[in-house]
Amino acid sequence: MKKILVFIFCIFAFSANSGEKKTTFDKNLFEKAQADGKIVVVSSWIKYCTSCASQMKVLDKAKNDFDNIEYFKFEVTNKEIASLLNVQYQTTLLIFKDNKEVYRSIGETSRDKIYKAIKSSI
């Protein structure tokens, strides 16, 4: 019985993580945010990636903690967006300022390091 409960818990945990993932990247909105002088943060994810979910959770909070940032996310299997941003891996984090990429990392999930990168871009 205990094994069944653990199994059910795992299924719900993975479902909750995958349910939060949704592509919000739109090229027109991305370009408009840059034209408006915003700091643009972009992250990539893939289904069932727990580090992606962790990174996205930090970034969802950051968009409310910082003024003048716009946050977009996309599934890395979307070849059009991945090619546009030169992203090959999930959990890639990009920060743009003044229409230029100023930061790139792969696999970063630490709140402190992500916030430090955003602060240094402002």
PDB file of N, CA and C in Angstrom:
ATOM      1  N   MET A   1       0.820  -1.194   0.000  1.00  0.00           N
ATOM      2  CA  MET A   1       0.000   0.000   0.000  1.00  0.00           C
ATOM      3  C   MET A   1       0.868   1.264   0.000  1.00  0.00           C
ATOM      4  N   LYS A   2       1.950   1.223   0.770  1.00  0.00           N
ATOM      5  CA  LYS A   2       2.844   2.379   0.845  1.00  0.00           C
ATOM      6  C   LYS A   2       3.459   2.691  -0.520  1.00  0.00           C
ATOM      7  N   LYS A   3       3.844   1.645  -1.254  1.00  0.00           N
ATOM      8  CA  LYS A   3       4.432   1.828  -2.588  1.00  0.00           C
ATOM      9  C   LYS A   3       3.429   2.453  -3.549  1.00  0.00           C
ATOM     10  N   ILE A   4       2.189   2.066  -3.425  1.00  0.00           N
ATOM     11  CA  ILE A   4       1.143   2.617  -4.293  1.00  0.00           C
ATOM     12  C   ILE A   4       0.957   4.098  -4.007  1.00  0.00           C
ATOM     13  N   LEU A   5       0.952   4.470  -2.739  1.00  0.00           N
ATOM     14  CA  LEU A   5       0.794   5.884  -2.384  1.00  0.00           C
ATOM     15  C   LEU A   5       1.972   6.713  -2.882  1.00  0.00           C
ATOM     16  N   VAL A   6       3.184   6.176  -2.761  1.00  0.00           N
ATOM     17  CA  VAL A   6       4.363   6.884  -3.271  1.00  0.00           C
ATOM     18  C   VAL A   6       4.260   7.047  -4.780  1.00  0.00           C
ATOM     19  N   PHE A   7       3.841   6.015  -5.477  1.00  0.00           N
ATOM     20  CA  PHE A   7       3.683   6.067  -6.923  1.00  0.00           C
ATOM     21  C   PHE A   7       2.657   7.132  -7.322  1.00  0.00           C
ATOM     22  N   ILE A   8       1.528   7.149  -6.636  1.00  0.00           N
ATOM     23  CA  ILE A   8       0.486   8.138  -6.940  1.00  0.00           C
ATOM     24  C   ILE A   8       1.001   9.546  -6.680  1.00  0.00           C
ATOM     25  N   PHE A   9       1.724   9.736  -5.577  1.00  0.00           N
ATOM     26  CA  PHE A   9       2.299  11.045  -5.269  1.00  0.00           C
ATOM     27  C   PHE A   9       3.238  11.491  -6.390  1.00  0.00           C
ATOM     28  N   CYS A  10       4.091  10.587  -6.864  1.00  0.00           N
ATOM     29  CA  CYS A  10       5.037  10.924  -7.939  1.00  0.00           C
ATOM     30  C   CYS A  10       4.323  11.331  -9.223  1.00  0.00           C
ATOM     31  N   ILE A  11       3.259  10.635  -9.533  1.00  0.00           N
ATOM     32  CA  ILE A  11       2.489  10.970 -10.743  1.00  0.00           C
ATOM     33  C   ILE A  11       1.930  12.385 -10.629  1.00  0.00           C
ATOM     34  N   PHE A  12       1.347  12.729  -9.482  1.00  0.00           N
ATOM     35  CA  PHE A  12       0.803  14.068  -9.303  1.00  0.00           C
ATOM     36  C   PHE A  12       1.897  15.125  -9.277  1.00  0.00           C
ATOM     37  N   ALA A  13       3.041  14.805  -8.699  1.00  0.00           N
ATOM     38  CA  ALA A  13       4.148  15.772  -8.651  1.00  0.00           C
ATOM     39  C   ALA A  13       4.637  16.081 -10.059  1.00  0.00           C
ATOM     40  N   PHE A  14       4.814  15.050 -10.884  1.00  0.00           N
ATOM     41  CA  PHE A  14       5.271  15.286 -12.257  1.00  0.00           C
ATOM     42  C   PHE A  14       4.207  15.996 -13.074  1.00  0.00           C
ATOM     43  N   SER A  15       2.956  15.692 -12.843  1.00  0.00           N
ATOM     44  CA  SER A  15       1.880  16.361 -13.562  1.00  0.00           C
ATOM     45  C   SER A  15       1.828  17.838 -13.205  1.00  0.00           C
ATOM     46  N   ALA A  16       2.046  18.154 -11.944  1.00  0.00           N
ATOM     47  CA  ALA A  16       2.026  19.558 -11.518  1.00  0.00           C
ATOM     48  C   ALA A  16       3.159  20.331 -12.170  1.00  0.00           C
ATOM     49  N   ASN A  17       4.351  19.738 -12.236  1.00  0.00           N
ATOM     50  CA  ASN A  17       5.483  20.409 -12.863  1.00  0.00           C
ATOM     51  C   ASN A  17       5.264  20.607 -14.349  1.00  0.00           C
ATOM     52  N   SER A  18       4.745  19.593 -15.019  1.00  0.00           N
ATOM     53  CA  SER A  18       4.561  19.733 -16.456  1.00  0.00           C
ATOM     54  C   SER A  18       3.399  20.672 -16.784  1.00  0.00           C
ATOM     55  N   GLY A  19       2.429  20.802 -15.889  1.00  0.00           N
ATOM     56  CA  GLY A  19       1.297  21.671 -16.130  1.00  0.00           C
ATOM     57  C   GLY A  19       1.659  23.143 -16.101  1.00  0.00           C
ATOM     58  N   GLU A  20       2.722  23.501 -15.387  1.00  0.00           N
ATOM     59  CA  GLU A  20       3.141  24.888 -15.279  1.00  0.00           C
ATOM     60  C   GLU A  20       3.872  25.364 -16.530  1.00  0.00           C
ATOM     61  N   LYS A  21       4.327  24.442 -17.323  1.00  0.00           N
ATOM     62  CA  LYS A  21       5.127  24.792 -18.484  1.00  0.00           C
ATOM     63  C   LYS A  21       4.226  25.128 -19.659  1.00  0.00           C
ATOM     64  N   LYS A  22       4.465  26.314 -20.204  1.00  0.00           N
ATOM     65  CA  LYS A  22       3.671  26.782 -21.335  1.00  0.00           C
ATOM     66  C   LYS A  22       4.518  27.788 -22.109  1.00  0.00           C
ATOM     67  N   THR A  23       4.512  27.683 -23.414  1.00  0.00           N
ATOM     68  CA  THR A  23       5.264  28.637 -24.224  1.00  0.00           C
ATOM     69  C   THR A  23       4.562  29.985 -24.211  1.00  0.00           C
ATOM     70  N   THR A  24       5.312  31.021 -23.807  1.00  0.00           N
ATOM     71  CA  THR A  24       4.781  32.386 -23.806  1.00  0.00           C
ATOM     72  C   THR A  24       5.555  33.275 -24.777  1.00  0.00           C
ATOM     73  N   PHE A  25       6.623  32.724 -25.369  1.00  0.00           N
ATOM     74  CA  PHE A  25       7.456  33.512 -26.280  1.00  0.00           C
ATOM     75  C   PHE A  25       6.682  33.836 -27.547  1.00  0.00           C
ATOM     76  N   ASP A  26       6.738  35.085 -27.927  1.00  0.00           N
ATOM     77  CA  ASP A  26       6.151  35.561 -29.172  1.00  0.00           C
ATOM     78  C   ASP A  26       7.152  36.566 -29.746  1.00  0.00           C
ATOM     79  N   LYS A  27       7.590  36.353 -30.963  1.00  0.00           N
ATOM     80  CA  LYS A  27       8.631  37.200 -31.555  1.00  0.00           C
ATOM     81  C   LYS A  27       8.236  38.676 -31.553  1.00  0.00           C
ATOM     82  N   ASN A  28       6.991  38.983 -31.872  1.00  0.00           N
ATOM     83  CA  ASN A  28       6.548  40.383 -31.893  1.00  0.00           C
ATOM     84  C   ASN A  28       6.586  41.004 -30.500  1.00  0.00           C
ATOM     85  N   LEU A  29       6.134  40.266 -29.492  1.00  0.00           N
ATOM     86  CA  LEU A  29       6.168  40.778 -28.116  1.00  0.00           C
ATOM     87  C   LEU A  29       7.600  40.909 -27.610  1.00  0.00           C
ATOM     88  N   PHE A  30       8.458  39.963 -28.012  1.00  0.00           N
ATOM     89  CA  PHE A  30       9.876  40.003 -27.667  1.00  0.00           C
ATOM     90  C   PHE A  30      10.522  41.280 -28.224  1.00  0.00           C
ATOM     91  N   GLU A  31      10.276  41.545 -29.492  1.00  0.00           N
ATOM     92  CA  GLU A  31      10.840  42.736 -30.134  1.00  0.00           C
ATOM     93  C   GLU A  31      10.248  44.025 -29.550  1.00  0.00           C
ATOM     94  N   LYS A  32       8.954  44.024 -29.235  1.00  0.00           N
ATOM     95  CA  LYS A  32       8.319  45.202 -28.640  1.00  0.00           C
ATOM     96  C   LYS A  32       8.896  45.493 -27.256  1.00  0.00           C
ATOM     97  N   ALA A  33       9.081  44.460 -26.451  1.00  0.00           N
ATOM     98  CA  ALA A  33       9.647  44.642 -25.109  1.00  0.00           C
ATOM     99  C   ALA A  33      11.040  45.251 -25.191  1.00  0.00           C
ATOM    100  N   GLN A  34      11.836  44.798 -26.162  1.00  0.00           N
ATOM    101  CA  GLN A  34      13.172  45.363 -26.338  1.00  0.00           C
ATOM    102  C   GLN A  34      13.092  46.807 -26.812  1.00  0.00           C
ATOM    103  N   ALA A  35      12.185  47.080 -27.738  1.00  0.00           N
ATOM    104  CA  ALA A  35      12.018  48.450 -28.240  1.00  0.00           C
ATOM    105  C   ALA A  35      11.546  49.392 -27.135  1.00  0.00           C
ATOM    106  N   ASP A  36      10.794  48.850 -26.172  1.00  0.00           N
ATOM    107  CA  ASP A  36      10.308  49.647 -25.043  1.00  0.00           C
ATOM    108  C   ASP A  36      11.366  49.827 -23.955  1.00  0.00           C
ATOM    109  N   GLY A  37      12.565  49.278 -24.169  1.00  0.00           N
ATOM    110  CA  GLY A  37      13.657  49.443 -23.216  1.00  0.00           C
ATOM    111  C   GLY A  37      13.614  48.503 -22.025  1.00  0.00           C
ATOM    112  N   LYS A  38      12.851  47.443 -22.134  1.00  0.00           N
ATOM    113  CA  LYS A  38      12.761  46.494 -21.026  1.00  0.00           C
ATOM    114  C   LYS A  38      13.939  45.514 -21.050  1.00  0.00           C
ATOM    115  N   ILE A  39      14.247  44.987 -19.878  1.00  0.00           N
ATOM    116  CA  ILE A  39      15.168  43.868 -19.772  1.00  0.00           C
ATOM    117  C   ILE A  39      14.335  42.640 -20.117  1.00  0.00           C
ATOM    118  N   VAL A  40      14.781  41.851 -21.080  1.00  0.00           N
ATOM    119  CA  VAL A  40      14.009  40.694 -21.527  1.00  0.00           C
ATOM    120  C   VAL A  40      14.719  39.420 -21.084  1.00  0.00           C
ATOM    121  N   VAL A  41      13.977  38.590 -20.364  1.00  0.00           N
ATOM    122  CA  VAL A  41      14.485  37.323 -19.855  1.00  0.00           C
ATOM    123  C   VAL A  41      13.751  36.210 -20.596  1.00  0.00           C
ATOM    124  N   VAL A  42      14.519  35.240 -21.117  1.00  0.00           N
ATOM    125  CA  VAL A  42      13.932  34.126 -21.858  1.00  0.00           C
ATOM    126  C   VAL A  42      14.508  32.830 -21.302  1.00  0.00           C
ATOM    127  N   SER A  43      13.639  31.852 -21.096  1.00  0.00           N
ATOM    128  CA  SER A  43      14.113  30.536 -20.665  1.00  0.00           C
ATOM    129  C   SER A  43      13.509  29.458 -21.558  1.00  0.00           C
ATOM    130  N   SER A  44      14.243  28.362 -21.674  1.00  0.00           N
ATOM    131  CA  SER A  44      13.767  27.229 -22.468  1.00  0.00           C
ATOM    132  C   SER A  44      13.484  26.052 -21.536  1.00  0.00           C
ATOM    133  N   TRP A  45      12.548  25.224 -21.935  1.00  0.00           N
ATOM    134  CA  TRP A  45      12.164  24.075 -21.125  1.00  0.00           C
ATOM    135  C   TRP A  45      11.794  22.914 -22.024  1.00  0.00           C
ATOM    136  N   ILE A  46      11.643  21.768 -21.397  1.00  0.00           N
ATOM    137  CA  ILE A  46      11.155  20.586 -22.083  1.00  0.00           C
ATOM    138  C   ILE A  46      10.300  19.794 -21.093  1.00  0.00           C
ATOM    139  N   LYS A  47       9.359  19.073 -21.604  1.00  0.00           N
ATOM    140  CA  LYS A  47       8.425  18.310 -20.779  1.00  0.00           C
ATOM    141  C   LYS A  47       9.182  17.391 -19.817  1.00  0.00           C
ATOM    142  N   TYR A  48       8.720  17.315 -18.596  1.00  0.00           N
ATOM    143  CA  TYR A  48       9.252  16.454 -17.529  1.00  0.00           C
ATOM    144  C   TYR A  48      10.639  16.834 -17.042  1.00  0.00           C
ATOM    145  N   CYS A  49      11.127  17.999 -17.359  1.00  0.00           N
ATOM    146  CA  CYS A  49      12.437  18.469 -16.885  1.00  0.00           C
ATOM    147  C   CYS A  49      12.233  19.193 -15.560  1.00  0.00           C
ATOM    148  N   THR A  50      12.718  18.601 -14.484  1.00  0.00           N
ATOM    149  CA  THR A  50      12.505  19.207 -13.164  1.00  0.00           C
ATOM    150  C   THR A  50      13.374  20.438 -12.958  1.00  0.00           C
ATOM    151  N   SER A  51      14.575  20.464 -13.543  1.00  0.00           N
ATOM    152  CA  SER A  51      15.405  21.667 -13.399  1.00  0.00           C
ATOM    153  C   SER A  51      14.783  22.835 -14.174  1.00  0.00           C
ATOM    154  N   CYS A  52      14.123  22.538 -15.284  1.00  0.00           N
ATOM    155  CA  CYS A  52      13.411  23.584 -16.031  1.00  0.00           C
ATOM    156  C   CYS A  52      12.300  24.180 -15.168  1.00  0.00           C
ATOM    157  N   ALA A  53      11.556  23.305 -14.501  1.00  0.00           N
ATOM    158  CA  ALA A  53      10.466  23.769 -13.638  1.00  0.00           C
ATOM    159  C   ALA A  53      11.010  24.614 -12.495  1.00  0.00           C
ATOM    160  N   SER A  54      12.145  24.217 -11.944  1.00  0.00           N
ATOM    161  CA  SER A  54      12.756  24.992 -10.853  1.00  0.00           C
ATOM    162  C   SER A  54      13.177  26.371 -11.341  1.00  0.00           C
ATOM    163  N   GLN A  55      13.817  26.420 -12.509  1.00  0.00           N
ATOM    164  CA  GLN A  55      14.249  27.701 -13.070  1.00  0.00           C
ATOM    165  C   GLN A  55      13.044  28.595 -13.365  1.00  0.00           C
ATOM    166  N   MET A  56      12.002  28.025 -13.946  1.00  0.00           N
ATOM    167  CA  MET A  56      10.816  28.793 -14.297  1.00  0.00           C
ATOM    168  C   MET A  56      10.121  29.337 -13.048  1.00  0.00           C
ATOM    169  N   LYS A  57      10.140  28.586 -11.973  1.00  0.00           N
ATOM    170  CA  LYS A  57       9.534  29.048 -10.718  1.00  0.00           C
ATOM    171  C   LYS A  57      10.259  30.295 -10.210  1.00  0.00           C
ATOM    172  N   VAL A  58      11.593  30.272 -10.257  1.00  0.00           N
ATOM    173  CA  VAL A  58      12.387  31.434  -9.843  1.00  0.00           C
ATOM    174  C   VAL A  58      12.085  32.621 -10.750  1.00  0.00           C
ATOM    175  N   LEU A  59      12.024  32.391 -12.057  1.00  0.00           N
ATOM    176  CA  LEU A  59      11.805  33.478 -13.008  1.00  0.00           C
ATOM    177  C   LEU A  59      10.384  34.038 -12.922  1.00  0.00           C
ATOM    178  N   ASP A  60       9.405  33.187 -12.644  1.00  0.00           N
ATOM    179  CA  ASP A  60       8.036  33.681 -12.467  1.00  0.00           C
ATOM    180  C   ASP A  60       7.972  34.641 -11.276  1.00  0.00           C
ATOM    181  N   LYS A  61       8.708  34.337 -10.223  1.00  0.00           N
ATOM    182  CA  LYS A  61       8.763  35.230  -9.062  1.00  0.00           C
ATOM    183  C   LYS A  61       9.554  36.498  -9.397  1.00  0.00           C
ATOM    184  N   ALA A  62      10.637  36.341 -10.138  1.00  0.00           N
ATOM    185  CA  ALA A  62      11.495  37.486 -10.484  1.00  0.00           C
ATOM    186  C   ALA A  62      10.741  38.526 -11.299  1.00  0.00           C
ATOM    187  N   LYS A  63       9.856  38.099 -12.181  1.00  0.00           N
ATOM    188  CA  LYS A  63       9.130  39.077 -13.002  1.00  0.00           C
ATOM    189  C   LYS A  63       8.271  39.999 -12.148  1.00  0.00           C
ATOM    190  N   ASN A  64       7.912  39.541 -10.947  1.00  0.00           N
ATOM    191  CA  ASN A  64       7.148  40.384 -10.024  1.00  0.00           C
ATOM    192  C   ASN A  64       8.057  41.164  -9.078  1.00  0.00           C
ATOM    193  N   ASP A  65       9.276  40.678  -8.868  1.00  0.00           N
ATOM    194  CA  ASP A  65      10.205  41.317  -7.932  1.00  0.00           C
ATOM    195  C   ASP A  65      11.033  42.429  -8.566  1.00  0.00           C
ATOM    196  N   PHE A  66      11.106  42.455  -9.883  1.00  0.00           N
ATOM    197  CA  PHE A  66      11.901  43.461 -10.587  1.00  0.00           C
ATOM    198  C   PHE A  66      11.000  44.299 -11.479  1.00  0.00           C
ATOM    199  N   ASP A  67      11.286  45.587 -11.513  1.00  0.00           N
ATOM    200  CA  ASP A  67      10.570  46.471 -12.429  1.00  0.00           C
ATOM    201  C   ASP A  67      11.233  46.397 -13.799  1.00  0.00           C
ATOM    202  N   ASN A  68      10.464  46.666 -14.814  1.00  0.00           N
ATOM    203  CA  ASN A  68      10.971  46.820 -16.175  1.00  0.00           C
ATOM    204  C   ASN A  68      11.591  45.555 -16.767  1.00  0.00           C
ATOM    205  N   ILE A  69      11.113  44.355 -16.353  1.00  0.00           N
ATOM    206  CA  ILE A  69      11.559  43.152 -17.043  1.00  0.00           C
ATOM    207  C   ILE A  69      10.356  42.448 -17.655  1.00  0.00           C
ATOM    208  N   GLU A  70      10.623  41.798 -18.758  1.00  0.00           N
ATOM    209  CA  GLU A  70       9.619  40.990 -19.452  1.00  0.00           C
ATOM    210  C   GLU A  70      10.180  39.577 -19.507  1.00  0.00           C
ATOM    211  N   TYR A  71       9.367  38.585 -19.150  1.00  0.00           N
ATOM    212  CA  TYR A  71       9.815  37.198 -19.100  1.00  0.00           C
ATOM    213  C   TYR A  71       9.038  36.355 -20.093  1.00  0.00           C
ATOM    214  N   PHE A  72       9.781  35.643 -20.944  1.00  0.00           N
ATOM    215  CA  PHE A  72       9.203  34.717 -21.911  1.00  0.00           C
ATOM    216  C   PHE A  72       9.819  33.338 -21.714  1.00  0.00           C
ATOM    217  N   LYS A  73       9.053  32.309 -22.015  1.00  0.00           N
ATOM    218  CA  LYS A  73       9.561  30.940 -21.947  1.00  0.00           C
ATOM    219  C   LYS A  73       9.059  30.171 -23.164  1.00  0.00           C
ATOM    220  N   PHE A  74       9.839  29.167 -23.548  1.00  0.00           N
ATOM    221  CA  PHE A  74       9.435  28.369 -24.705  1.00  0.00           C
ATOM    222  C   PHE A  74       9.968  26.950 -24.590  1.00  0.00           C
ATOM    223  N   GLU A  75       9.246  26.025 -25.226  1.00  0.00           N
ATOM    224  CA  GLU A  75       9.690  24.636 -25.262  1.00  0.00           C
ATOM    225  C   GLU A  75      10.813  24.524 -26.288  1.00  0.00           C
ATOM    226  N   VAL A  76      11.931  23.967 -25.847  1.00  0.00           N
ATOM    227  CA  VAL A  76      13.136  23.925 -26.677  1.00  0.00           C
ATOM    228  C   VAL A  76      12.937  23.107 -27.957  1.00  0.00           C
ATOM    229  N   THR A  77      11.914  22.275 -28.011  1.00  0.00           N
ATOM    230  CA  THR A  77      11.639  21.518 -29.230  1.00  0.00           C
ATOM    231  C   THR A  77      11.016  22.390 -30.322  1.00  0.00           C
ATOM    232  N   ASN A  78      10.657  23.628 -29.985  1.00  0.00           N
ATOM    233  CA  ASN A  78      10.155  24.572 -30.985  1.00  0.00           C
ATOM    234  C   ASN A  78      11.364  25.092 -31.759  1.00  0.00           C
ATOM    235  N   LYS A  79      11.632  24.489 -32.885  1.00  0.00           N
ATOM    236  CA  LYS A  79      12.860  24.760 -33.649  1.00  0.00           C
ATOM    237  C   LYS A  79      12.947  26.204 -34.149  1.00  0.00           C
ATOM    238  N   GLU A  80      11.808  26.806 -34.455  1.00  0.00           N
ATOM    239  CA  GLU A  80      11.817  28.189 -34.952  1.00  0.00           C
ATOM    240  C   GLU A  80      12.350  29.149 -33.883  1.00  0.00           C
ATOM    241  N   ILE A  81      11.824  29.029 -32.668  1.00  0.00           N
ATOM    242  CA  ILE A  81      12.275  29.906 -31.575  1.00  0.00           C
ATOM    243  C   ILE A  81      13.701  29.545 -31.165  1.00  0.00           C
ATOM    244  N   ALA A  82      13.977  28.252 -31.042  1.00  0.00           N
ATOM    245  CA  ALA A  82      15.318  27.805 -30.639  1.00  0.00           C
ATOM    246  C   ALA A  82      16.376  28.307 -31.621  1.00  0.00           C
ATOM    247  N   SER A  83      16.072  28.267 -32.899  1.00  0.00           N
ATOM    248  CA  SER A  83      17.004  28.752 -33.918  1.00  0.00           C
ATOM    249  C   SER A  83      17.171  30.268 -33.840  1.00  0.00           C
ATOM    250  N   LEU A  84      16.073  30.976 -33.667  1.00  0.00           N
ATOM    251  CA  LEU A  84      16.107  32.435 -33.561  1.00  0.00           C
ATOM    252  C   LEU A  84      17.028  32.882 -32.428  1.00  0.00           C
ATOM    253  N   LEU A  85      16.980  32.161 -31.297  1.00  0.00           N
ATOM    254  CA  LEU A  85      17.751  32.535 -30.112  1.00  0.00           C
ATOM    255  C   LEU A  85      19.047  31.734 -29.951  1.00  0.00           C
ATOM    256  N   ASN A  86      19.313  30.833 -30.907  1.00  0.00           N
ATOM    257  CA  ASN A  86      20.490  29.974 -30.852  1.00  0.00           C
ATOM    258  C   ASN A  86      20.541  29.175 -29.541  1.00  0.00           C
ATOM    259  N   VAL A  87      19.423  28.542 -29.227  1.00  0.00           N
ATOM    260  CA  VAL A  87      19.309  27.727 -28.021  1.00  0.00           C
ATOM    261  C   VAL A  87      19.219  26.262 -28.429  1.00  0.00           C
ATOM    262  N   GLN A  88      20.072  25.440 -27.826  1.00  0.00           N
ATOM    263  CA  GLN A  88      20.094  24.020 -28.154  1.00  0.00           C
ATOM    264  C   GLN A  88      19.679  23.129 -26.988  1.00  0.00           C
ATOM    265  N   TYR A  89      19.633  23.685 -25.769  1.00  0.00           N
ATOM    266  CA  TYR A  89      19.395  22.869 -24.587  1.00  0.00           C
ATOM    267  C   TYR A  89      18.267  23.447 -23.741  1.00  0.00           C
ATOM    268  N   GLN A  90      17.560  22.542 -23.041  1.00  0.00           N
ATOM    269  CA  GLN A  90      16.567  23.010 -22.080  1.00  0.00           C
ATOM    270  C   GLN A  90      17.282  23.665 -20.903  1.00  0.00           C
ATOM    271  N   THR A  91      16.546  24.421 -20.149  1.00  0.00           N
ATOM    272  CA  THR A  91      17.035  25.172 -18.991  1.00  0.00           C
ATOM    273  C   THR A  91      18.095  26.196 -19.396  1.00  0.00           C
ATOM    274  N   THR A  92      17.999  26.696 -20.628  1.00  0.00           N
ATOM    275  CA  THR A  92      18.869  27.792 -21.055  1.00  0.00           C
ATOM    276  C   THR A  92      18.198  29.097 -20.646  1.00  0.00           C
ATOM    277  N   LEU A  93      18.974  29.962 -20.042  1.00  0.00           N
ATOM    278  CA  LEU A  93      18.481  31.255 -19.578  1.00  0.00           C
ATOM    279  C   LEU A  93      19.211  32.354 -20.337  1.00  0.00           C
ATOM    280  N   LEU A  94      18.446  33.248 -20.947  1.00  0.00           N
ATOM    281  CA  LEU A  94      18.996  34.367 -21.702  1.00  0.00           C
ATOM    282  C   LEU A  94      18.466  35.670 -21.131  1.00  0.00           C
ATOM    283  N   ILE A  95      19.336  36.685 -21.096  1.00  0.00           N
ATOM    284  CA  ILE A  95      18.902  38.024 -20.701  1.00  0.00           C
ATOM    285  C   ILE A  95      19.352  38.997 -21.780  1.00  0.00           C
ATOM    286  N   PHE A  96      18.414  39.836 -22.233  1.00  0.00           N
ATOM    287  CA  PHE A  96      18.682  40.830 -23.263  1.00  0.00           C
ATOM    288  C   PHE A  96      18.493  42.226 -22.695  1.00  0.00           C
ATOM    289  N   LYS A  97      19.392  43.121 -23.087  1.00  0.00           N
ATOM    290  CA  LYS A  97      19.285  44.530 -22.717  1.00  0.00           C
ATOM    291  C   LYS A  97      19.712  45.349 -23.930  1.00  0.00           C
ATOM    292  N   ASP A  98      18.961  46.377 -24.239  1.00  0.00           N
ATOM    293  CA  ASP A  98      19.275  47.243 -25.384  1.00  0.00           C
ATOM    294  C   ASP A  98      19.476  46.436 -26.663  1.00  0.00           C
ATOM    295  N   ASN A  99      18.580  45.476 -26.892  1.00  0.00           N
ATOM    296  CA  ASN A  99      18.588  44.635 -28.101  1.00  0.00           C
ATOM    297  C   ASN A  99      19.828  43.754 -28.234  1.00  0.00           C
ATOM    298  N   LYS A 100      20.533  43.507 -27.134  1.00  0.00           N
ATOM    299  CA  LYS A 100      21.723  42.641 -27.153  1.00  0.00           C
ATOM    300  C   LYS A 100      21.623  41.606 -26.050  1.00  0.00           C
ATOM    301  N   GLU A 101      22.095  40.406 -26.355  1.00  0.00           N
ATOM    302  CA  GLU A 101      22.172  39.379 -25.324  1.00  0.00           C
ATOM    303  C   GLU A 101      23.308  39.746 -24.375  1.00  0.00           C
ATOM    304  N   VAL A 102      22.999  39.843 -23.077  1.00  0.00           N
ATOM    305  CA  VAL A 102      24.010  40.227 -22.093  1.00  0.00           C
ATOM    306  C   VAL A 102      24.315  39.097 -21.114  1.00  0.00           C
ATOM    307  N   TYR A 103      23.529  38.012 -21.168  1.00  0.00           N
ATOM    308  CA  TYR A 103      23.749  36.898 -20.239  1.00  0.00           C
ATOM    309  C   TYR A 103      23.186  35.623 -20.843  1.00  0.00           C
ATOM    310  N   ARG A 104      23.908  34.511 -20.626  1.00  0.00           N
ATOM    311  CA  ARG A 104      23.438  33.198 -21.069  1.00  0.00           C
ATOM    312  C   ARG A 104      23.969  32.160 -20.094  1.00  0.00           C
ATOM    313  N   SER A 105      23.105  31.265 -19.672  1.00  0.00           N
ATOM    314  CA  SER A 105      23.529  30.142 -18.842  1.00  0.00           C
ATOM    315  C   SER A 105      22.693  28.923 -19.196  1.00  0.00           C
ATOM    316  N   ILE A 106      23.226  27.761 -18.868  1.00  0.00           N
ATOM    317  CA  ILE A 106      22.512  26.506 -19.085  1.00  0.00           C
ATOM    318  C   ILE A 106      22.439  25.780 -17.751  1.00  0.00           C
ATOM    319  N   GLY A 107      21.241  25.458 -17.329  1.00  0.00           N
ATOM    320  CA  GLY A 107      21.040  24.661 -16.127  1.00  0.00           C
ATOM    321  C   GLY A 107      21.038  25.433 -14.821  1.00  0.00           C
ATOM    322  N   GLU A 108      21.060  26.747 -14.886  1.00  0.00           N
ATOM    323  CA  GLU A 108      21.094  27.542 -13.655  1.00  0.00           C
ATOM    324  C   GLU A 108      19.714  27.570 -13.001  1.00  0.00           C
ATOM    325  N   THR A 109      19.635  27.114 -11.750  1.00  0.00           N
ATOM    326  CA  THR A 109      18.366  27.118 -11.023  1.00  0.00           C
ATOM    327  C   THR A 109      18.475  27.854  -9.690  1.00  0.00           C
ATOM    328  N   SER A 110      19.649  28.324  -9.338  1.00  0.00           N
ATOM    329  CA  SER A 110      19.852  29.017  -8.072  1.00  0.00           C
ATOM    330  C   SER A 110      19.191  30.392  -8.112  1.00  0.00           C
ATOM    331  N   ARG A 111      18.290  30.639  -7.159  1.00  0.00           N
ATOM    332  CA  ARG A 111      17.615  31.929  -7.091  1.00  0.00           C
ATOM    333  C   ARG A 111      18.627  33.057  -6.969  1.00  0.00           C
ATOM    334  N   ASP A 112      19.619  32.893  -6.106  1.00  0.00           N
ATOM    335  CA  ASP A 112      20.611  33.950  -5.892  1.00  0.00           C
ATOM    336  C   ASP A 112      21.378  34.282  -7.174  1.00  0.00           C
ATOM    337  N   LYS A 113      21.796  33.262  -7.915  1.00  0.00           N
ATOM    338  CA  LYS A 113      22.566  33.503  -9.143  1.00  0.00           C
ATOM    339  C   LYS A 113      21.693  34.109 -10.243  1.00  0.00           C
ATOM    340  N   ILE A 114      20.468  33.653 -10.348  1.00  0.00           N
ATOM    341  CA  ILE A 114      19.559  34.207 -11.361  1.00  0.00           C
ATOM    342  C   ILE A 114      19.229  35.661 -11.036  1.00  0.00           C
ATOM    343  N   TYR A 115      18.926  35.955  -9.784  1.00  0.00           N
ATOM    344  CA  TYR A 115      18.631  37.333  -9.388  1.00  0.00           C
ATOM    345  C   TYR A 115      19.856  38.230  -9.586  1.00  0.00           C
ATOM    346  N   LYS A 116      21.039  37.706  -9.293  1.00  0.00           N
ATOM    347  CA  LYS A 116      22.272  38.484  -9.488  1.00  0.00           C
ATOM    348  C   LYS A 116      22.452  38.819 -10.965  1.00  0.00           C
ATOM    349  N   ALA A 117      22.193  37.857 -11.853  1.00  0.00           N
ATOM    350  CA  ALA A 117      22.308  38.099 -13.292  1.00  0.00           C
ATOM    351  C   ALA A 117      21.316  39.164 -13.747  1.00  0.00           C
ATOM    352  N   ILE A 118      20.094  39.104 -13.235  1.00  0.00           N
ATOM    353  CA  ILE A 118      19.090  40.110 -13.609  1.00  0.00           C
ATOM    354  C   ILE A 118      19.499  41.482 -13.092  1.00  0.00           C
ATOM    355  N   LYS A 119      19.914  41.544 -11.832  1.00  0.00           N
ATOM    356  CA  LYS A 119      20.335  42.829 -11.247  1.00  0.00           C
ATOM    357  C   LYS A 119      21.490  43.448 -12.013  1.00  0.00           C
ATOM    358  N   SER A 120      22.441  42.610 -12.451  1.00  0.00           N
ATOM    359  CA  SER A 120      23.594  43.148 -13.179  1.00  0.00           C
ATOM    360  C   SER A 120      23.212  43.654 -14.565  1.00  0.00           C
ATOM    361  N   SER A 121      22.036  43.260 -15.051  1.00  0.00           N
ATOM    362  CA  SER A 121      21.568  43.683 -16.377  1.00  0.00           C
ATOM    363  C   SER A 121      20.725  44.953 -16.319  1.00  0.00           C
ATOM    364  N   ILE A 122      20.299  45.312 -15.148  1.00  0.00           N
ATOM    365  CA  ILE A 122      19.425  46.485 -14.991  1.00  0.00           C
ATOM    366  C   ILE A 122      20.242  47.764 -15.006  1.00  0.00           C
TER     367      ILE A 122
END
